[in-house]
């Protein structure tokens, strides 16, 4: 998908759903997101791009980038398989993950 894709079309229902999903995070949440989604969170100093152990992580299955396919998507898959993250919501391809607390002895 072209980097300028969002500048040359009107927002649609999927865009509104993504925006509504991101608005549910409290300001200064420890949230990460894949590439283009991060641009919606970029003014929050606690938000970060890429999957790196954040409390929350958001990705959109309808978005793709080389970094997502090579780095973040495999890391997300491993984290879910290890049960260190759980899917909180998955609607129209927009997925929100939450980091699970580590088991204490």
N, C-alpha and C. Protein backbone atom coordinates (compact mmCIF):
# COMPACT_ATOMS: atom_id res chain seq x y z
N UNK A 1 0.85 -1.17 0.00
CA UNK A 1 0.00 0.00 0.00
C UNK A 1 0.89 1.24 0.00
N UNK A 2 0.55 2.21 -0.78
CA UNK A 2 1.32 3.44 -0.87
C UNK A 2 1.26 4.21 0.44
N UNK A 3 2.38 4.82 0.82
CA UNK A 3 2.44 5.60 2.06
C UNK A 3 1.42 6.74 2.08
N UNK A 4 1.05 7.26 0.91
CA UNK A 4 0.15 8.41 0.85
C UNK A 4 -1.30 8.01 0.69
N UNK A 5 -1.59 6.75 0.79
CA UNK A 5 -2.93 6.20 0.58
C UNK A 5 -4.01 6.97 1.34
N UNK A 6 -3.76 7.31 2.59
CA UNK A 6 -4.77 7.94 3.43
C UNK A 6 -5.01 9.40 3.10
N UNK A 7 -4.13 10.02 2.35
CA UNK A 7 -4.30 11.42 2.00
C UNK A 7 -5.19 11.61 0.77
N UNK A 8 -5.44 10.55 0.03
CA UNK A 8 -6.15 10.68 -1.23
C UNK A 8 -7.50 9.99 -1.26
N UNK A 9 -8.09 9.82 -0.09
CA UNK A 9 -9.42 9.23 -0.03
C UNK A 9 -10.12 9.73 1.23
N UNK A 10 -11.43 9.63 1.21
CA UNK A 10 -12.21 10.00 2.39
C UNK A 10 -12.11 8.89 3.43
N UNK A 11 -12.13 9.25 4.72
CA UNK A 11 -12.13 8.22 5.76
C UNK A 11 -13.36 7.32 5.61
N UNK A 12 -13.20 6.05 5.96
CA UNK A 12 -14.31 5.11 5.86
C UNK A 12 -14.64 4.53 7.23
N UNK A 13 -15.55 3.54 7.25
CA UNK A 13 -15.96 2.93 8.53
C UNK A 13 -14.79 2.28 9.25
N UNK A 14 -13.91 1.65 8.52
CA UNK A 14 -12.75 1.01 9.13
C UNK A 14 -11.86 2.05 9.82
N UNK A 15 -11.66 3.18 9.16
CA UNK A 15 -10.87 4.27 9.76
C UNK A 15 -11.52 4.76 11.05
N UNK A 16 -12.84 4.90 11.04
CA UNK A 16 -13.55 5.35 12.24
C UNK A 16 -13.42 4.32 13.36
N UNK A 17 -13.48 3.06 13.01
CA UNK A 17 -13.32 2.01 14.01
C UNK A 17 -11.92 2.04 14.61
N UNK A 18 -10.91 2.22 13.79
CA UNK A 18 -9.54 2.33 14.28
C UNK A 18 -9.39 3.53 15.20
N UNK A 19 -9.90 4.66 14.78
CA UNK A 19 -9.80 5.87 15.60
C UNK A 19 -10.52 5.67 16.93
N UNK A 20 -11.70 5.08 16.91
CA UNK A 20 -12.44 4.81 18.15
C UNK A 20 -11.70 3.85 19.07
N UNK A 21 -11.05 2.86 18.48
CA UNK A 21 -10.26 1.92 19.27
C UNK A 21 -9.12 2.64 19.98
N UNK A 22 -8.42 3.48 19.26
CA UNK A 22 -7.27 4.19 19.83
C UNK A 22 -7.70 5.22 20.87
N UNK A 23 -8.87 5.81 20.69
CA UNK A 23 -9.35 6.80 21.65
C UNK A 23 -9.69 6.19 23.01
N UNK A 24 -9.86 4.89 23.08
CA UNK A 24 -10.18 4.24 24.35
C UNK A 24 -8.98 4.15 25.29
N UNK A 25 -7.77 4.32 24.76
CA UNK A 25 -6.60 4.28 25.62
C UNK A 25 -6.49 5.58 26.41
N UNK A 26 -6.22 5.44 27.68
CA UNK A 26 -6.04 6.63 28.52
C UNK A 26 -4.79 7.38 28.05
N UNK A 27 -4.80 8.69 28.21
CA UNK A 27 -3.59 9.45 27.87
C UNK A 27 -2.38 8.87 28.62
N UNK A 28 -1.27 8.84 27.96
CA UNK A 28 0.00 8.36 28.53
C UNK A 28 0.00 6.85 28.81
N UNK A 29 -0.86 6.11 28.14
CA UNK A 29 -0.83 4.65 28.26
C UNK A 29 0.45 4.13 27.62
N UNK A 30 0.94 3.03 28.12
CA UNK A 30 2.09 2.36 27.53
C UNK A 30 1.58 1.51 26.38
N UNK A 31 1.44 2.14 25.21
CA UNK A 31 0.85 1.46 24.06
C UNK A 31 1.79 1.54 22.87
N UNK A 32 1.90 0.42 22.19
CA UNK A 32 2.68 0.37 20.96
C UNK A 32 1.76 0.07 19.80
N UNK A 33 2.23 0.36 18.61
CA UNK A 33 1.42 0.11 17.42
C UNK A 33 2.32 -0.13 16.24
N UNK A 34 1.76 -0.79 15.25
CA UNK A 34 2.51 -1.00 14.02
C UNK A 34 2.52 0.28 13.22
N UNK A 35 3.51 0.42 12.41
CA UNK A 35 3.76 1.50 11.48
C UNK A 35 2.72 2.61 11.38
N UNK A 36 1.79 2.50 10.42
CA UNK A 36 0.86 3.59 10.14
C UNK A 36 -0.04 3.92 11.33
N UNK A 37 -0.38 2.93 12.12
CA UNK A 37 -1.25 3.18 13.27
C UNK A 37 -0.56 4.08 14.28
N UNK A 38 0.75 3.96 14.40
CA UNK A 38 1.49 4.79 15.35
C UNK A 38 1.28 6.27 15.06
N UNK A 39 1.10 6.64 13.81
CA UNK A 39 0.91 8.06 13.48
C UNK A 39 -0.30 8.64 14.20
N UNK A 40 -1.27 7.81 14.55
CA UNK A 40 -2.43 8.28 15.29
C UNK A 40 -2.10 8.50 16.77
N UNK A 41 -1.04 7.88 17.24
CA UNK A 41 -0.65 7.95 18.66
C UNK A 41 0.59 8.81 18.87
N UNK A 42 1.18 9.30 17.81
CA UNK A 42 2.48 9.93 17.85
C UNK A 42 2.64 11.10 18.81
N UNK A 43 1.57 11.78 19.17
CA UNK A 43 1.69 12.91 20.09
C UNK A 43 1.72 12.48 21.56
N UNK A 44 1.44 11.22 21.82
CA UNK A 44 1.49 10.70 23.18
C UNK A 44 2.93 10.26 23.46
N UNK A 45 3.59 10.88 24.46
CA UNK A 45 5.00 10.55 24.70
C UNK A 45 5.25 9.12 25.16
N UNK A 46 4.23 8.43 25.63
CA UNK A 46 4.41 7.04 26.07
C UNK A 46 4.11 6.04 24.96
N UNK A 47 3.59 6.49 23.85
CA UNK A 47 3.30 5.59 22.73
C UNK A 47 4.59 5.31 21.97
N UNK A 48 4.66 4.13 21.37
CA UNK A 48 5.86 3.77 20.62
C UNK A 48 5.49 2.92 19.41
N UNK A 49 6.38 2.92 18.45
CA UNK A 49 6.16 2.16 17.23
C UNK A 49 6.89 0.82 17.36
N UNK A 50 6.24 -0.23 16.90
CA UNK A 50 6.82 -1.57 16.96
C UNK A 50 6.47 -2.30 18.24
N UNK A 51 6.54 -3.60 18.17
CA UNK A 51 6.20 -4.47 19.30
C UNK A 51 7.44 -4.63 20.17
N UNK A 52 7.39 -4.08 21.39
CA UNK A 52 8.58 -4.06 22.25
C UNK A 52 8.23 -4.16 23.73
N UNK A 53 7.31 -5.03 24.10
CA UNK A 53 7.00 -5.25 25.50
C UNK A 53 6.08 -4.23 26.15
N UNK A 54 5.38 -3.45 25.36
CA UNK A 54 4.45 -2.47 25.91
C UNK A 54 3.28 -3.17 26.62
N UNK A 55 2.59 -2.43 27.48
CA UNK A 55 1.41 -2.96 28.16
C UNK A 55 0.32 -3.30 27.15
N UNK A 56 0.19 -2.47 26.13
CA UNK A 56 -0.82 -2.64 25.08
C UNK A 56 -0.13 -2.58 23.73
N UNK A 57 -0.70 -3.30 22.75
CA UNK A 57 -0.20 -3.21 21.39
C UNK A 57 -1.38 -3.31 20.43
N UNK A 58 -1.39 -2.45 19.41
CA UNK A 58 -2.49 -2.41 18.44
C UNK A 58 -1.92 -2.63 17.05
N UNK A 59 -2.58 -3.52 16.30
CA UNK A 59 -2.22 -3.67 14.90
C UNK A 59 -3.48 -3.87 14.08
N UNK A 60 -3.32 -3.69 12.79
CA UNK A 60 -4.44 -3.79 11.86
C UNK A 60 -4.06 -4.78 10.77
N UNK A 61 -4.81 -5.84 10.67
CA UNK A 61 -4.50 -6.88 9.68
C UNK A 61 -4.62 -6.37 8.24
N UNK A 62 -5.30 -5.25 8.04
CA UNK A 62 -5.42 -4.72 6.68
C UNK A 62 -4.21 -3.86 6.30
N UNK A 63 -3.30 -3.63 7.22
CA UNK A 63 -2.07 -2.88 6.95
C UNK A 63 -0.92 -3.87 6.82
N UNK A 64 0.02 -3.54 6.00
CA UNK A 64 1.21 -4.38 5.90
C UNK A 64 2.41 -3.50 5.62
N UNK A 65 3.52 -3.85 6.21
CA UNK A 65 4.80 -3.21 5.90
C UNK A 65 5.87 -4.29 5.99
N UNK A 66 6.99 -4.07 5.36
CA UNK A 66 8.07 -5.05 5.48
C UNK A 66 8.47 -5.30 6.94
N UNK A 67 8.54 -4.25 7.75
CA UNK A 67 8.90 -4.43 9.15
C UNK A 67 7.86 -5.29 9.87
N UNK A 68 6.58 -5.03 9.61
CA UNK A 68 5.53 -5.82 10.24
C UNK A 68 5.71 -7.30 9.91
N UNK A 69 5.86 -7.62 8.65
CA UNK A 69 5.98 -9.01 8.23
C UNK A 69 7.25 -9.69 8.70
N UNK A 70 8.33 -8.94 8.79
CA UNK A 70 9.63 -9.51 9.12
C UNK A 70 9.91 -9.54 10.62
N UNK A 71 9.44 -8.51 11.36
CA UNK A 71 9.82 -8.36 12.77
C UNK A 71 8.64 -8.48 13.73
N UNK A 72 7.69 -7.57 13.60
CA UNK A 72 6.63 -7.46 14.60
C UNK A 72 5.61 -8.59 14.56
N UNK A 73 5.16 -8.98 13.38
CA UNK A 73 4.15 -10.04 13.30
C UNK A 73 4.67 -11.35 13.90
N UNK A 74 5.88 -11.80 13.58
CA UNK A 74 6.37 -13.02 14.23
C UNK A 74 6.52 -12.86 15.75
N UNK A 75 6.94 -11.68 16.20
CA UNK A 75 7.09 -11.45 17.65
C UNK A 75 5.73 -11.49 18.35
N UNK A 76 4.71 -10.92 17.72
CA UNK A 76 3.36 -10.96 18.28
C UNK A 76 2.88 -12.40 18.36
N UNK A 77 3.09 -13.17 17.31
CA UNK A 77 2.68 -14.57 17.30
C UNK A 77 3.35 -15.37 18.42
N UNK A 78 4.63 -15.14 18.63
CA UNK A 78 5.34 -15.84 19.71
C UNK A 78 4.81 -15.43 21.08
N UNK A 79 4.55 -14.13 21.27
CA UNK A 79 4.05 -13.63 22.56
C UNK A 79 2.68 -14.21 22.88
N UNK A 80 1.82 -14.33 21.90
CA UNK A 80 0.50 -14.93 22.12
C UNK A 80 0.65 -16.42 22.42
N UNK A 81 1.52 -17.10 21.68
CA UNK A 81 1.73 -18.53 21.92
C UNK A 81 2.30 -18.79 23.32
N UNK A 82 3.17 -17.91 23.81
CA UNK A 82 3.75 -18.04 25.15
C UNK A 82 2.78 -17.60 26.24
N UNK A 83 1.67 -17.02 25.80
CA UNK A 83 0.66 -16.47 26.72
C UNK A 83 1.20 -15.31 27.56
N UNK A 84 2.12 -14.56 26.99
CA UNK A 84 2.57 -13.34 27.66
C UNK A 84 1.71 -12.15 27.22
N UNK A 85 0.96 -12.34 26.13
CA UNK A 85 -0.01 -11.35 25.65
C UNK A 85 -1.30 -12.07 25.32
N UNK A 86 -2.40 -11.35 25.46
CA UNK A 86 -3.70 -11.89 25.09
C UNK A 86 -4.42 -10.89 24.20
N UNK A 87 -5.21 -11.41 23.28
CA UNK A 87 -6.04 -10.56 22.44
C UNK A 87 -7.23 -10.09 23.27
N UNK A 88 -7.37 -8.78 23.38
CA UNK A 88 -8.48 -8.19 24.13
C UNK A 88 -9.66 -7.97 23.20
N UNK A 89 -9.40 -7.41 22.03
CA UNK A 89 -10.44 -7.23 21.02
C UNK A 89 -9.85 -7.51 19.64
N UNK A 90 -10.71 -7.93 18.75
CA UNK A 90 -10.35 -8.13 17.35
C UNK A 90 -11.61 -7.86 16.54
N UNK A 91 -11.67 -6.68 15.94
CA UNK A 91 -12.85 -6.26 15.20
C UNK A 91 -12.41 -5.71 13.84
N UNK A 92 -12.93 -6.27 12.79
CA UNK A 92 -12.65 -5.81 11.44
C UNK A 92 -11.15 -5.76 11.15
N UNK A 93 -10.39 -6.68 11.74
CA UNK A 93 -8.95 -6.74 11.51
C UNK A 93 -8.13 -5.89 12.44
N UNK A 94 -8.76 -5.07 13.26
CA UNK A 94 -8.05 -4.24 14.23
C UNK A 94 -7.95 -5.03 15.52
N UNK A 95 -6.71 -5.31 15.93
CA UNK A 95 -6.46 -6.20 17.06
C UNK A 95 -5.77 -5.42 18.18
N UNK A 96 -6.29 -5.58 19.39
CA UNK A 96 -5.68 -4.98 20.58
C UNK A 96 -5.19 -6.12 21.47
N UNK A 97 -3.91 -6.06 21.81
CA UNK A 97 -3.29 -7.02 22.71
C UNK A 97 -3.00 -6.37 24.05
N UNK A 98 -3.08 -7.17 25.12
CA UNK A 98 -2.72 -6.69 26.46
C UNK A 98 -1.66 -7.62 27.00
N UNK A 99 -0.65 -7.03 27.60
CA UNK A 99 0.40 -7.82 28.23
C UNK A 99 -0.15 -8.43 29.51
N UNK A 100 0.08 -9.71 29.70
CA UNK A 100 -0.40 -10.40 30.87
C UNK A 100 0.67 -10.33 31.98
N UNK A 101 0.21 -10.25 33.19
CA UNK A 101 1.15 -10.22 34.30
C UNK A 101 1.84 -11.57 34.41
N UNK A 102 3.09 -11.52 34.78
CA UNK A 102 3.83 -12.76 34.94
C UNK A 102 3.35 -13.49 36.18
N UNK A 103 3.32 -14.81 36.08
CA UNK A 103 2.91 -15.61 37.24
C UNK A 103 3.94 -15.44 38.35
N UNK A 104 3.46 -15.29 39.55
CA UNK A 104 4.36 -15.13 40.70
C UNK A 104 4.40 -16.43 41.49
N UNK A 105 5.60 -16.78 41.99
CA UNK A 105 5.71 -18.04 42.75
C UNK A 105 4.97 -18.00 44.06
